[in-house]
Amino acid sequence: MAAGDYSEFSIAHDRRYTLEHLWLQALDDKANSVKVGISEFILAEYGNIVRVVLTRPEDDSEFKGDSDVEVIDDDSPQIMGAGDEVGTEDLLITLTTSYEGEIETLLINSPFPCKIMELNGEVEDNPDLLNDDAYGDGWCMIVQPHEFDEDQFLNQEEYIEMLNELP
């Protein structure tokens, strides 16, 4: 975004936020699940989202070393599914954005180790869900964190303060 340009975006008050602009919403269920999505700040900063890929953790060691197994291309993201385990170094969401003809890819890692409970495949099929309703139908996944402390993530006021400090 050019210097002096600005965009309006909202920040949901009932969520926690990561430094990578993910929102987290603890769900009231027995599994202690957390719904994960992206903040509207990404739209304001990088433009419309034109592609969403929810990918598998990058550890494909189980596929290496066996000559009878098809070689997996490390550069192509693999689809995740319910039951997959994700660590903090693992790629969680890949976004492709477009702003005034400039295409940019954002790679977002998991904010904590977790187990994937459910993916919102609708956002992969229709990225406009993120553009139009990032805090509603545009959620990305539901995970079950191995350790989750809401207080280690930013509340609405802390997130706004962090955004105000960005260059």
Protein backbone atom coordinates (compact mmCIF):
# COMPACT_ATOMS: atom_id res chain seq x y z
CA MET A 1 0.00 0.00 0.00
CA ALA A 2 1.38 3.41 -0.93
CA ALA A 3 2.41 5.87 1.77
CA GLY A 4 -0.53 8.03 2.73
CA ASP A 5 -3.09 5.46 1.58
CA TYR A 6 -5.39 4.02 4.16
CA SER A 7 -8.15 1.46 4.32
CA GLU A 8 -10.85 0.87 6.83
CA PHE A 9 -11.12 -2.55 8.43
CA SER A 10 -12.75 -3.97 11.50
CA ILE A 11 -11.39 -5.93 14.43
CA ALA A 12 -13.68 -8.36 16.21
CA HIS A 13 -13.84 -7.73 19.95
CA ASP A 14 -14.48 -11.36 20.95
CA ARG A 15 -11.23 -12.79 19.54
CA ARG A 16 -7.55 -12.99 20.32
CA TYR A 17 -4.94 -12.09 17.70
CA THR A 18 -1.47 -13.28 16.74
CA LEU A 19 1.41 -11.15 15.50
CA GLU A 20 0.87 -12.80 12.09
CA HIS A 21 -2.69 -11.36 11.95
CA LEU A 22 -4.60 -14.55 12.66
CA TRP A 23 -7.66 -14.32 14.88
CA LEU A 24 -8.40 -17.02 17.41
CA GLN A 25 -11.80 -17.72 18.94
CA ALA A 26 -12.08 -20.26 21.76
CA LEU A 27 -15.16 -22.42 21.22
CA ASP A 28 -17.40 -23.61 24.02
CA ASP A 29 -17.00 -27.33 23.54
CA LYS A 30 -15.54 -30.28 25.42
CA ALA A 31 -12.59 -30.56 23.02
CA ASN A 32 -11.30 -27.06 23.93
CA SER A 33 -11.30 -26.20 20.23
CA VAL A 34 -10.21 -22.90 18.72
CA LYS A 35 -11.54 -21.43 15.47
CA VAL A 36 -8.81 -19.77 13.38
CA GLY A 37 -9.17 -17.09 10.71
CA ILE A 38 -7.38 -14.07 9.31
CA SER A 39 -7.71 -10.48 10.45
CA GLU A 40 -9.20 -7.92 8.08
CA PHE A 41 -5.88 -6.06 8.46
CA ILE A 42 -4.41 -8.45 5.86
CA LEU A 43 -7.03 -7.29 3.36
CA ALA A 44 -6.32 -3.63 4.12
CA GLU A 45 -2.54 -4.10 3.91
CA TYR A 46 -2.18 -6.57 1.03
CA GLY A 47 -5.43 -6.31 -0.97
CA ASN A 48 -8.07 -8.83 -1.88
CA ILE A 49 -7.38 -12.48 -1.28
CA VAL A 50 -7.51 -14.34 -4.56
CA ARG A 51 -6.38 -17.79 -3.38
CA VAL A 52 -6.36 -19.70 -0.10
CA VAL A 53 -4.51 -22.96 0.49
CA LEU A 54 -4.74 -24.84 3.76
CA THR A 55 -1.60 -27.01 3.67
CA ARG A 56 -0.07 -30.03 5.32
CA PRO A 57 2.85 -29.67 7.74
CA GLU A 58 6.14 -29.65 5.86
CA ASP A 59 7.49 -32.80 7.57
CA ASP A 60 7.14 -35.41 4.83
CA SER A 61 9.88 -37.68 6.23
CA GLU A 62 7.50 -40.64 6.21
CA PHE A 63 7.53 -40.46 2.39
CA LYS A 64 11.32 -40.37 1.99
CA GLY A 65 13.67 -43.33 1.67
CA ASP A 66 11.18 -45.89 0.32
CA SER A 67 11.74 -46.43 -3.39
CA ASP A 68 8.28 -48.01 -3.84
CA VAL A 69 6.57 -44.84 -2.64
CA GLU A 70 5.80 -42.01 -5.05
CA VAL A 71 8.11 -39.04 -4.51
CA ILE A 72 6.32 -36.06 -3.02
CA ASP A 73 7.32 -32.67 -4.47
CA ASP A 74 8.39 -30.54 -1.48
CA ASP A 75 7.32 -27.37 -3.29
CA SER A 76 3.70 -28.40 -3.78
CA PRO A 77 1.45 -27.96 -0.76
CA GLN A 78 -0.42 -31.03 0.41
CA ILE A 79 -4.02 -30.91 1.57
CA MET A 80 -4.57 -31.22 5.30
CA GLY A 81 -7.42 -33.06 6.90
CA ALA A 82 -9.03 -33.69 10.24
CA GLY A 83 -6.61 -35.44 12.55
CA ASP A 84 -3.41 -33.93 11.13
CA GLU A 85 -0.95 -32.65 13.71
CA VAL A 86 0.58 -29.22 13.18
CA GLY A 87 3.57 -27.69 14.99
CA THR A 88 4.58 -24.06 15.40
CA GLU A 89 7.08 -24.32 12.54
CA ASP A 90 4.47 -25.78 10.19
CA LEU A 91 2.75 -23.85 7.44
CA LEU A 92 -0.92 -23.39 8.32
CA ILE A 93 -2.35 -21.05 5.67
CA THR A 94 -1.07 -19.76 2.34
CA LEU A 95 -2.78 -16.64 1.01
CA THR A 96 -2.35 -15.08 -2.41
CA THR A 97 -3.37 -11.44 -2.50
CA SER A 98 -3.80 -8.87 -5.24
CA TYR A 99 -3.44 -5.10 -4.80
CA GLU A 100 -3.38 -2.83 -7.86
CA GLY A 101 -2.14 -5.67 -10.05
CA GLU A 102 0.62 -6.72 -7.63
CA ILE A 103 0.37 -10.36 -6.56
CA GLU A 104 1.83 -11.35 -3.20
CA THR A 105 1.94 -14.67 -1.37
CA LEU A 106 1.72 -14.76 2.42
CA LEU A 107 2.81 -17.84 4.34
CA ILE A 108 1.35 -18.10 7.85
CA ASN A 109 2.65 -20.67 10.34
CA SER A 110 0.66 -22.21 13.14
CA PRO A 111 0.71 -20.09 16.33
CA PHE A 112 0.80 -23.22 18.52
CA PRO A 113 1.05 -27.02 18.23
CA CYS A 114 -2.40 -28.41 17.52
CA LYS A 115 -4.53 -31.08 15.91
CA ILE A 116 -6.73 -30.11 12.95
CA MET A 117 -10.37 -30.81 13.79
CA GLU A 118 -12.11 -29.25 10.78
CA LEU A 119 -11.18 -27.29 7.67
CA ASN A 120 -13.40 -24.71 6.03
CA GLY A 121 -12.94 -25.90 2.45
CA GLU A 122 -15.38 -23.22 1.36
CA VAL A 123 -12.63 -20.56 1.69
CA GLU A 124 -10.38 -22.52 -0.69
CA ASP A 125 -13.22 -22.79 -3.21
CA ASN A 126 -14.39 -19.20 -2.67
CA PRO A 127 -11.71 -16.79 -1.33
CA ASP A 128 -14.28 -13.99 -1.39
CA LEU A 129 -15.59 -15.42 1.89
CA LEU A 130 -12.42 -14.02 3.49
CA ASN A 131 -12.75 -10.73 1.62
CA ASP A 132 -16.43 -10.29 2.52
CA ASP A 133 -16.78 -11.93 5.95
CA ALA A 134 -13.36 -12.60 7.52
CA TYR A 135 -14.81 -12.84 11.04
CA GLY A 136 -17.83 -14.93 10.07
CA ASP A 137 -18.14 -17.43 7.22
CA GLY A 138 -14.51 -16.72 6.22
CA TRP A 139 -12.97 -18.73 9.07
CA CYS A 140 -10.21 -21.12 7.98
CA MET A 141 -10.12 -24.04 10.42
CA ILE A 142 -10.98 -25.40 13.83
CA VAL A 143 -8.06 -26.82 15.78
CA GLN A 144 -7.49 -28.46 19.13
CA PRO A 145 -4.37 -26.84 20.64
CA HIS A 146 -2.09 -29.03 22.72
CA GLU A 147 -1.46 -26.03 24.96
CA PHE A 148 -3.53 -22.89 24.62
CA ASP A 149 -3.37 -19.90 26.92
CA GLU A 150 -5.59 -17.08 25.63
CA ASP A 151 -3.54 -14.56 27.60
CA GLN A 152 -0.43 -15.16 25.47
CA PHE A 153 -2.28 -13.68 22.47
CA LEU A 154 -3.39 -10.10 21.90
CA ASN A 155 -6.86 -8.90 22.84
CA GLN A 156 -8.62 -6.26 20.73
CA GLU A 157 -6.97 -3.26 22.42
CA GLU A 158 -3.48 -4.83 22.35
CA TYR A 159 -3.90 -5.75 18.69
CA ILE A 160 -4.94 -2.18 17.79
CA GLU A 161 -1.92 -0.86 19.71
CA MET A 162 0.38 -3.24 17.80
CA LEU A 163 -1.13 -2.14 14.46
CA ASN A 164 -0.60 1.52 15.38
CA GLU A 165 3.11 0.80 15.94
CA LEU A 166 3.60 -0.76 12.50
CA PRO A 167 5.61 1.32 10.03
